[in-house]
Amino acid sequence: MDEIVTDDAPKTGPATPLSRRTIFAAFAGAAVSAVVVNAEPAAAAGGPMLLDAVNTTTGTALVEQSGGVVNPLFFLQNLSGGRVLDVGANGNYAISATATGGTAIRASGDSGVEGRATTGKGVAGTASSANGVGVEGRGDTGVAGYSNRLGYCGVYGENTQSIGYGVFGRANQTGSVGVSGEAIGSNAFGVDGRAVLGTGVRGTSTGGGPGVEGHGSNGVEGYSALPTGAGVYGTNTASGGNGVYGLANLANSAGVLGQADNSSSIGVFGSSAAGTGVRAVATAATGTALDVRGRAKFTRAGQGTIAGTVALPKDTVVITVPGPPLAATSSVTSNLMTNVAGVWVVSCVPNAANSNFTIRLNKKVTQTVKVGWFIAN
C-alpha cells in the first residue's frame, strides 16, 4: 500500500493542519490540475504523487487523519477557473465515499457536483439508514437535472416499496412549493403523472387546504379516452361533502360549466340510484335555483289522447307512467291541447299503487282530444 505523506502545515487551503493517515482511493488516469499540499516529485511505487504527470498504481493509497479534530482531509483549488477534480472509472464507481456520522463528499460552486455517465449513473447516492438521504443538494437550486434525450428525464425517482415516494418535495414556508413544474413550449407539461393501474397525479391535504390546485386559462383540465371514464372525477367520502365543487363570485361567471357540441352529448350529467342526480338551490330570496334558457325535456311529461266518437263518447283516459313508478307524494298536472268549445280538464288523479293516473274532462267528447301531462316528484 502506497502512502501519501503530508507535513502538519498545509501550503494552501484551510488554515487547520492536516495529519497523516486517512483513506483515499487513488484515481486511475485522473489528471488533477490543482494546488495540492506538499506534493514531492517521485514516480516509483511508494513515492509521492506528481503534478502535471500521469500517476499509476496497482495498489491503494492511504492517508489517515487522527487527533479527533474535524478538518478537511484534502483541499484542492483551481485558480485558473477550471474544474478542480476529474475522475473516471471503468466498470465501477469513479468515487466511492462513506461517512459514519457526517458528510462523505461536500462540494460547492456553480455546480457543486457534476456527474456524467455513458450507460450508468452520473451520480448515485445510497442511504442505508431509515432516515438517511442518498443525495442531498442545497443552494438556490438544491438538485438540478437536465436531459436532452427524447423520452428521458432530467430527474428520475423510483421507490420499490408498497408505500413510499419516488420524488418527494416539501414546502415549509407560506407561499412556497414542494414540487414545481414549468412548461415553456405550447404542448409541454409542467407536471405529468402517468399510471398503469393507479393514479397518475394525486394531491392530499390534511390541514383544510386543497389537495390539487390549478391556476391558468384552465386551472385544472382533465382528459379521458375511455367510454366509462371521466376527464375530471371527484369523490367525497364524508357526509355532506362535495365530490366536485365550483365557485363563481363575479358577474356572468359559472361555478361549474358543461358544454355539449354534439346532438347526442350532454353538457352536465347527474345520476343517482337513490338520491338526487342534480340539485339546484337558491339560498337568497332574490336568487334563482334553476334558470333554463331554451327547450327543457322531461321523461315524466308527455301527451295523451281521449278518443271519443259519436257512437262512443268519452271523457277520460288512463295513462301509465313510464320509468320510475309514481310515489304517494307525486303531483300530476294536465291541460287540454285540443281546442273544443266548452270542454276542459277537471281532474288528474294519480294511482300510486298501479303507477298510473286518470285525466277527466268536464264532459264527454265525440272527437279525438289531446291532453298534455307533467309529473312532479
Protein backbone atom coordinates (compact mmCIF):
# COMPACT_ATOMS: atom_id res chain seq x y z
CA MET A 1 0.00 0.00 0.00
CA ASP A 2 1.38 3.36 -1.05
CA GLU A 3 1.47 6.18 1.45
CA ILE A 4 0.95 9.85 0.67
CA VAL A 5 2.87 11.97 3.14
CA THR A 6 1.96 15.49 4.15
CA ASP A 7 3.54 17.69 6.78
CA ASP A 8 1.45 19.21 9.52
CA ALA A 9 1.10 22.65 7.94
CA PRO A 10 -0.63 22.88 4.54
CA LYS A 11 0.91 25.11 1.88
CA THR A 12 -2.50 26.30 0.68
CA GLY A 13 -6.16 25.70 1.58
CA PRO A 14 -7.64 25.55 5.09
CA ALA A 15 -5.69 27.04 7.98
CA THR A 16 -6.20 23.88 10.08
CA PRO A 17 -3.20 21.42 9.92
CA LEU A 18 -3.56 18.04 8.18
CA SER A 19 -2.40 14.85 9.93
CA ARG A 20 -1.09 11.69 8.30
CA ARG A 21 -3.41 8.83 7.61
CA THR A 22 -6.91 8.75 6.05
CA ILE A 23 -8.43 6.56 3.36
CA PHE A 24 -8.04 7.95 -0.17
CA ALA A 25 -9.00 5.97 -3.29
CA ALA A 26 -6.38 6.52 -5.99
CA PHE A 27 -7.96 7.71 -9.23
CA ALA A 28 -6.51 5.74 -12.20
CA GLY A 29 -5.76 8.01 -15.13
CA ALA A 30 -7.14 11.11 -13.38
CA ALA A 31 -5.50 14.40 -14.35
CA VAL A 32 -5.57 16.85 -11.46
CA SER A 33 -4.81 20.43 -12.35
CA ALA A 34 -4.86 21.91 -8.85
CA VAL A 35 -2.79 23.03 -5.93
CA VAL A 36 -2.10 20.03 -3.66
CA VAL A 37 -0.47 20.19 -0.26
CA ASN A 38 3.27 19.35 -0.28
CA ALA A 39 3.44 17.04 -3.34
CA GLU A 40 7.07 15.97 -3.74
CA PRO A 41 8.28 14.68 -7.15
CA ALA A 42 8.67 10.92 -7.36
CA ALA A 43 7.43 8.24 -9.75
CA ALA A 44 8.13 4.89 -8.17
CA ALA A 45 5.54 2.92 -6.21
CA GLY A 46 5.57 4.04 -2.62
CA GLY A 47 6.67 7.56 -3.55
CA PRO A 48 4.64 10.78 -3.61
CA MET A 49 2.22 11.78 -6.40
CA LEU A 50 3.44 14.00 -9.25
CA LEU A 51 1.76 17.13 -10.59
CA ASP A 52 1.46 17.58 -14.38
CA ALA A 53 2.09 13.85 -14.81
CA VAL A 54 0.23 10.56 -15.08
CA ASN A 55 0.46 8.66 -11.79
CA THR A 56 -0.29 4.93 -11.96
CA THR A 57 -0.60 2.35 -9.22
CA THR A 58 -1.89 -1.17 -8.72
CA GLY A 59 -2.42 -0.70 -5.01
CA THR A 60 -4.33 1.64 -2.73
CA ALA A 61 -3.00 4.89 -1.32
CA LEU A 62 -3.83 5.57 2.31
CA VAL A 63 -3.88 8.86 4.17
CA GLU A 64 -5.17 8.97 7.73
CA GLN A 65 -6.09 11.86 9.98
CA SER A 66 -6.06 11.49 13.75
CA GLY A 67 -6.33 13.63 16.83
CA GLY A 68 -10.15 13.96 16.97
CA VAL A 69 -10.12 17.32 15.13
CA VAL A 70 -12.61 17.76 12.28
CA ASN A 71 -10.52 19.05 9.35
CA PRO A 72 -10.73 18.64 5.59
CA LEU A 73 -8.58 15.68 4.58
CA PHE A 74 -7.74 17.23 1.19
CA PHE A 75 -8.16 20.77 -0.05
CA LEU A 76 -7.96 21.18 -3.85
CA GLN A 77 -8.25 24.56 -5.54
CA ASN A 78 -8.01 25.52 -9.20
CA LEU A 79 -7.03 29.17 -9.52
CA SER A 80 -7.49 29.24 -13.31
CA GLY A 81 -11.26 28.88 -13.10
CA GLY A 82 -11.40 25.32 -14.47
CA ARG A 83 -12.58 22.12 -12.83
CA VAL A 84 -10.90 21.10 -9.62
CA LEU A 85 -11.11 17.33 -10.00
CA ASP A 86 -11.88 14.95 -12.88
CA VAL A 87 -12.20 11.26 -12.09
CA GLY A 88 -13.08 8.25 -14.21
CA ALA A 89 -13.75 4.56 -13.68
CA ASN A 90 -14.05 1.56 -15.95
CA GLY A 91 -16.90 -0.63 -14.81
CA ASN A 92 -17.16 0.62 -11.22
CA TYR A 93 -17.57 3.80 -9.21
CA ALA A 94 -15.30 6.71 -10.01
CA ILE A 95 -15.69 7.91 -6.42
CA SER A 96 -16.95 5.78 -3.55
CA ALA A 97 -17.33 7.75 -0.33
CA THR A 98 -18.65 6.67 3.07
CA ALA A 99 -19.33 8.77 6.16
CA THR A 100 -20.30 7.30 9.51
CA GLY A 101 -21.86 10.38 11.03
CA GLY A 102 -21.16 13.28 8.70
CA THR A 103 -20.94 14.06 5.00
CA ALA A 104 -18.82 11.82 2.79
CA ILE A 105 -18.46 14.35 -0.04
CA ARG A 106 -19.24 18.03 0.11
CA ALA A 107 -18.75 20.29 -2.88
CA SER A 108 -19.63 23.92 -3.50
CA GLY A 109 -19.60 26.12 -6.58
CA ASP A 110 -21.78 26.96 -9.55
CA SER A 111 -22.06 23.20 -9.94
CA GLY A 112 -21.04 21.55 -6.68
CA VAL A 113 -21.00 18.03 -8.11
CA GLU A 114 -21.41 17.14 -11.77
CA GLY A 115 -21.71 13.52 -12.78
CA ARG A 116 -21.72 12.12 -16.30
CA ALA A 117 -22.24 8.55 -17.38
CA THR A 118 -22.35 6.82 -20.76
CA THR A 119 -24.67 3.98 -19.74
CA GLY A 120 -24.76 4.02 -15.93
CA LYS A 121 -25.37 6.73 -13.35
CA GLY A 122 -23.58 10.05 -13.30
CA VAL A 123 -24.16 10.43 -9.56
CA ALA A 124 -25.55 7.61 -7.39
CA GLY A 125 -26.41 8.10 -3.75
CA THR A 126 -27.46 5.38 -1.32
CA ALA A 127 -28.65 5.69 2.27
CA SER A 128 -28.83 2.51 4.33
CA SER A 129 -30.42 4.04 7.44
CA ALA A 130 -34.14 4.61 7.87
CA ASN A 131 -33.91 8.41 7.73
CA GLY A 132 -30.81 8.72 5.60
CA VAL A 133 -30.52 10.66 2.36
CA GLY A 134 -28.80 9.23 -0.69
CA VAL A 135 -28.09 12.58 -2.34
CA GLU A 136 -28.76 15.96 -0.76
CA GLY A 137 -28.36 19.27 -2.51
CA ARG A 138 -28.57 22.75 -1.03
CA GLY A 139 -28.44 26.14 -2.69
CA ASP A 140 -30.54 28.35 -4.90
CA THR A 141 -31.32 25.09 -6.67
CA GLY A 142 -30.55 22.15 -4.40
CA VAL A 143 -30.56 19.49 -7.11
CA ALA A 144 -30.93 20.26 -10.83
CA GLY A 145 -31.33 17.65 -13.53
CA TYR A 146 -31.15 18.13 -17.30
CA SER A 147 -31.85 15.79 -20.17
CA ASN A 148 -31.65 16.45 -23.91
CA ARG A 149 -32.79 13.00 -24.97
CA LEU A 150 -36.33 12.34 -26.18
CA GLY A 151 -38.36 10.37 -23.65
CA TYR A 152 -35.85 10.69 -20.80
CA CYS A 153 -35.93 12.63 -17.54
CA GLY A 154 -33.89 15.42 -16.06
CA VAL A 155 -34.58 13.97 -12.60
CA TYR A 156 -35.83 10.41 -12.07
CA GLY A 157 -37.09 8.98 -8.82
CA GLU A 158 -38.17 5.42 -8.03
CA ASN A 159 -39.47 3.70 -4.92
CA THR A 160 -39.74 -0.09 -4.82
CA GLN A 161 -41.72 -0.33 -1.59
CA SER A 162 -45.52 -0.58 -1.28
CA ILE A 163 -45.65 2.82 0.44
CA GLY A 164 -43.06 5.41 -0.49
CA TYR A 165 -42.17 8.21 -2.85
CA GLY A 166 -40.05 8.25 -5.96
CA VAL A 167 -39.68 12.02 -5.65
CA PHE A 168 -40.76 13.96 -2.55
CA GLY A 169 -41.00 17.72 -2.20
CA ARG A 170 -41.73 19.68 0.97
CA ALA A 171 -42.55 23.36 1.45
CA ASN A 172 -42.40 24.79 4.97
CA GLN A 173 -42.99 28.48 4.31
CA THR A 174 -46.20 30.28 3.33
CA GLY A 175 -46.49 30.54 -0.43
CA SER A 176 -43.71 28.06 -1.12
CA VAL A 177 -44.00 24.95 -3.31
CA GLY A 178 -42.90 21.40 -2.55
CA VAL A 179 -42.59 20.30 -6.19
CA SER A 180 -42.85 22.77 -9.05
CA GLY A 181 -43.11 22.05 -12.75
CA GLU A 182 -42.76 24.60 -15.53
CA ALA A 183 -43.62 24.20 -19.20
CA ILE A 184 -42.33 26.69 -21.78
CA GLY A 185 -43.44 25.01 -25.01
CA SER A 186 -47.01 25.22 -26.33
CA ASN A 187 -47.58 21.46 -25.96
CA ALA A 188 -45.36 20.95 -22.91
CA PHE A 189 -46.45 19.94 -19.41
CA GLY A 190 -45.17 21.37 -16.16
CA VAL A 191 -46.04 18.19 -14.24
CA ASP A 192 -47.02 14.95 -15.96
CA GLY A 193 -48.29 11.97 -13.99
CA ARG A 194 -48.90 8.56 -15.51
CA ALA A 195 -50.25 5.34 -14.05
CA VAL A 196 -50.98 1.88 -15.48
CA LEU A 197 -53.41 0.84 -12.73
CA GLY A 198 -53.04 3.50 -10.05
CA THR A 199 -53.30 7.29 -10.02
CA GLY A 200 -51.21 9.49 -12.30
CA VAL A 201 -51.22 12.53 -10.02
CA ARG A 202 -52.67 12.62 -6.51
CA GLY A 203 -52.98 15.59 -4.24
CA THR A 204 -53.64 15.26 -0.50
CA SER A 205 -54.26 17.94 2.09
CA THR A 206 -54.70 17.20 5.80
CA GLY A 207 -54.93 20.81 7.01
CA GLY A 208 -58.02 22.11 5.21
CA GLY A 209 -56.28 23.21 2.02
CA PRO A 210 -56.89 21.90 -1.50
CA GLY A 211 -55.36 18.57 -2.49
CA VAL A 212 -54.79 19.83 -6.04
CA GLU A 213 -54.92 23.48 -7.06
CA GLY A 214 -54.54 24.75 -10.60
CA HIS A 215 -54.11 28.27 -11.97
CA GLY A 216 -54.29 29.30 -15.61
CA SER A 217 -56.67 29.65 -18.53
CA ASN A 218 -58.00 26.32 -17.30
CA GLY A 219 -56.99 25.82 -13.69
CA VAL A 220 -57.44 22.04 -13.83
CA GLU A 221 -58.02 20.22 -17.10
CA GLY A 222 -58.68 16.51 -17.48
CA TYR A 223 -58.92 14.16 -20.45
CA SER A 224 -60.20 10.62 -20.77
CA ALA A 225 -60.35 8.34 -23.81
CA LEU A 226 -62.44 5.64 -22.10
CA PRO A 227 -66.24 5.49 -22.63
CA THR A 228 -66.75 4.80 -18.91
CA GLY A 229 -64.04 7.21 -17.76
CA ALA A 230 -64.15 10.86 -16.81
CA GLY A 231 -61.95 13.80 -17.73
CA VAL A 232 -62.30 15.13 -14.18
CA TYR A 233 -63.56 12.87 -11.41
CA GLY A 234 -64.27 13.89 -7.84
CA THR A 235 -65.16 11.77 -4.80
CA ASN A 236 -66.02 12.82 -1.27
CA THR A 237 -66.37 10.16 1.43
CA ALA A 238 -67.65 12.49 4.18
CA SER A 239 -71.31 13.13 4.86
CA GLY A 240 -72.36 16.49 3.44
CA GLY A 241 -69.23 16.85 1.30
CA ASN A 242 -68.87 17.52 -2.41
CA GLY A 243 -67.10 15.40 -5.00
CA VAL A 244 -66.66 18.38 -7.33
CA TYR A 245 -67.24 21.98 -6.21
CA GLY A 246 -67.29 25.10 -8.34
CA LEU A 247 -67.41 28.70 -7.10
CA ALA A 248 -68.11 31.86 -9.11
CA ASN A 249 -68.03 35.30 -7.44
CA LEU A 250 -68.11 37.62 -10.44
CA ALA A 251 -70.99 38.64 -12.69
CA ASN A 252 -71.83 36.32 -15.61
CA SER A 253 -69.41 33.66 -14.37
CA ALA A 254 -70.22 29.99 -13.70
CA GLY A 255 -69.17 27.77 -10.83
CA VAL A 256 -69.45 24.65 -12.99
CA LEU A 257 -69.80 24.85 -16.78
CA GLY A 258 -70.73 21.96 -19.02
CA GLN A 259 -70.73 22.23 -22.81
CA ALA A 260 -72.01 19.73 -25.38
CA ASP A 261 -71.43 20.38 -29.09
CA ASN A 262 -72.77 17.07 -30.37
CA SER A 263 -76.50 16.47 -30.80
CA SER A 264 -76.34 13.38 -28.58
CA SER A 265 -73.86 14.66 -25.99
CA ILE A 266 -74.60 16.15 -22.57
CA GLY A 267 -73.04 19.25 -21.06
CA VAL A 268 -73.68 18.39 -17.40
CA PHE A 269 -74.93 14.96 -16.35
CA GLY A 270 -76.18 13.95 -12.93
CA SER A 271 -77.16 10.40 -11.96
CA SER A 272 -78.40 8.86 -8.74
CA ALA A 273 -79.55 5.38 -7.75
CA ALA A 274 -81.43 6.52 -4.64
CA GLY A 275 -80.61 10.18 -4.01
CA THR A 276 -80.74 13.26 -6.23
CA GLY A 277 -78.97 13.39 -9.58
CA VAL A 278 -78.83 17.20 -9.83
CA ARG A 279 -79.97 19.67 -7.17
CA ALA A 280 -80.43 23.41 -7.64
CA VAL A 281 -80.64 25.62 -4.53
CA ALA A 282 -81.16 29.35 -4.10
CA THR A 283 -80.38 30.48 -0.55
CA ALA A 284 -81.43 34.13 -1.04
CA ALA A 285 -84.89 35.49 -1.82
CA THR A 286 -83.54 37.18 -4.94
CA GLY A 287 -81.68 34.09 -6.17
CA THR A 288 -82.78 31.58 -8.81
CA ALA A 289 -82.41 27.87 -8.14
CA LEU A 290 -82.88 26.81 -11.78
CA ASP A 291 -82.59 29.00 -14.86
CA VAL A 292 -83.43 27.22 -18.11
CA ARG A 293 -82.85 29.08 -21.37
CA GLY A 294 -84.09 27.11 -24.33
CA ARG A 295 -86.08 23.92 -24.54
CA ALA A 296 -86.47 21.67 -21.49
CA LYS A 297 -87.08 17.95 -21.84
CA PHE A 298 -88.64 15.69 -19.18
CA THR A 299 -89.22 11.94 -19.37
CA ARG A 300 -92.10 12.28 -16.89
CA ALA A 301 -94.04 14.55 -19.17
CA GLY A 302 -95.99 13.71 -22.30
CA GLN A 303 -99.29 13.66 -24.15
CA GLY A 304 -102.39 11.51 -24.01
CA THR A 305 -105.42 11.05 -26.25
CA ILE A 306 -109.09 10.87 -25.33
CA ALA A 307 -110.53 9.16 -28.43
CA GLY A 308 -114.24 9.94 -28.29
CA THR A 309 -116.67 9.19 -31.13
CA VAL A 310 -120.31 9.86 -31.86
CA ALA A 311 -121.08 6.23 -31.21
CA LEU A 312 -118.95 6.09 -28.07
CA PRO A 313 -118.32 9.49 -26.41
CA LYS A 314 -115.51 9.58 -23.83
CA ASP A 315 -114.35 11.93 -21.06
CA THR A 316 -111.39 10.04 -19.51
CA VAL A 317 -108.06 8.47 -20.35
CA VAL A 318 -105.79 6.35 -18.12
CA ILE A 319 -102.04 6.87 -18.67
CA THR A 320 -99.38 4.51 -17.28
CA VAL A 321 -96.28 6.34 -16.04
CA PRO A 322 -93.04 5.41 -17.88
CA GLY A 323 -89.82 4.94 -15.93
CA PRO A 324 -89.77 5.12 -12.14
CA PRO A 325 -93.22 4.45 -10.60
CA LEU A 326 -95.45 7.08 -9.07
CA ALA A 327 -94.99 7.87 -5.42
CA ALA A 328 -97.72 8.70 -2.93
CA THR A 329 -96.47 12.29 -2.94
CA SER A 330 -96.34 12.62 -6.74
CA SER A 331 -98.22 15.54 -8.25
CA VAL A 332 -99.69 15.21 -11.77
CA THR A 333 -100.99 18.17 -13.76
CA SER A 334 -102.73 18.15 -17.14
CA ASN A 335 -104.04 20.61 -19.70
CA LEU A 336 -106.18 20.41 -22.85
CA MET A 337 -104.19 20.58 -26.10
CA THR A 338 -107.17 20.48 -28.49
CA ASN A 339 -109.49 23.48 -28.67
CA VAL A 340 -113.02 22.22 -28.08
CA ALA A 341 -115.61 24.80 -27.04
CA GLY A 342 -116.96 24.24 -23.54
CA VAL A 343 -114.51 21.41 -22.73
CA TRP A 344 -111.70 21.47 -20.17
CA VAL A 345 -109.79 19.21 -17.78
CA VAL A 346 -111.46 18.95 -14.43
CA SER A 347 -109.12 16.45 -12.67
CA CYS A 348 -105.92 14.45 -12.93
CA VAL A 349 -105.95 11.71 -10.28
CA PRO A 350 -102.76 9.64 -9.60
CA ASN A 351 -102.83 5.97 -8.61
CA ALA A 352 -99.51 5.22 -6.95
CA ALA A 353 -100.28 1.53 -6.45
CA ASN A 354 -100.67 0.94 -10.19
CA SER A 355 -98.28 3.77 -11.21
CA ASN A 356 -100.84 5.43 -13.47
CA PHE A 357 -103.18 8.41 -13.42
CA THR A 358 -106.59 9.29 -14.85
CA ILE A 359 -107.33 12.52 -16.72
CA ARG A 360 -111.01 13.50 -16.72
CA LEU A 361 -112.79 16.14 -18.81
CA ASN A 362 -115.80 18.14 -17.69
CA LYS A 363 -117.97 16.29 -20.24
CA LYS A 364 -117.75 13.54 -22.81
CA VAL A 365 -116.46 14.38 -26.26
CA THR A 366 -117.35 12.86 -29.62
CA GLN A 367 -113.98 13.57 -31.20
CA THR A 368 -110.30 12.91 -30.52
CA VAL A 369 -108.92 15.32 -27.93
CA LYS A 370 -105.25 15.62 -26.93
CA VAL A 371 -104.18 16.32 -23.38
CA GLY A 372 -100.72 17.13 -22.00
CA TRP A 373 -99.45 15.98 -18.63
CA PHE A 374 -96.49 16.61 -16.29
CA ILE A 375 -95.40 14.77 -13.14
CA ALA A 376 -93.52 16.42 -10.29
CA ASN A 377 -91.88 14.41 -7.51
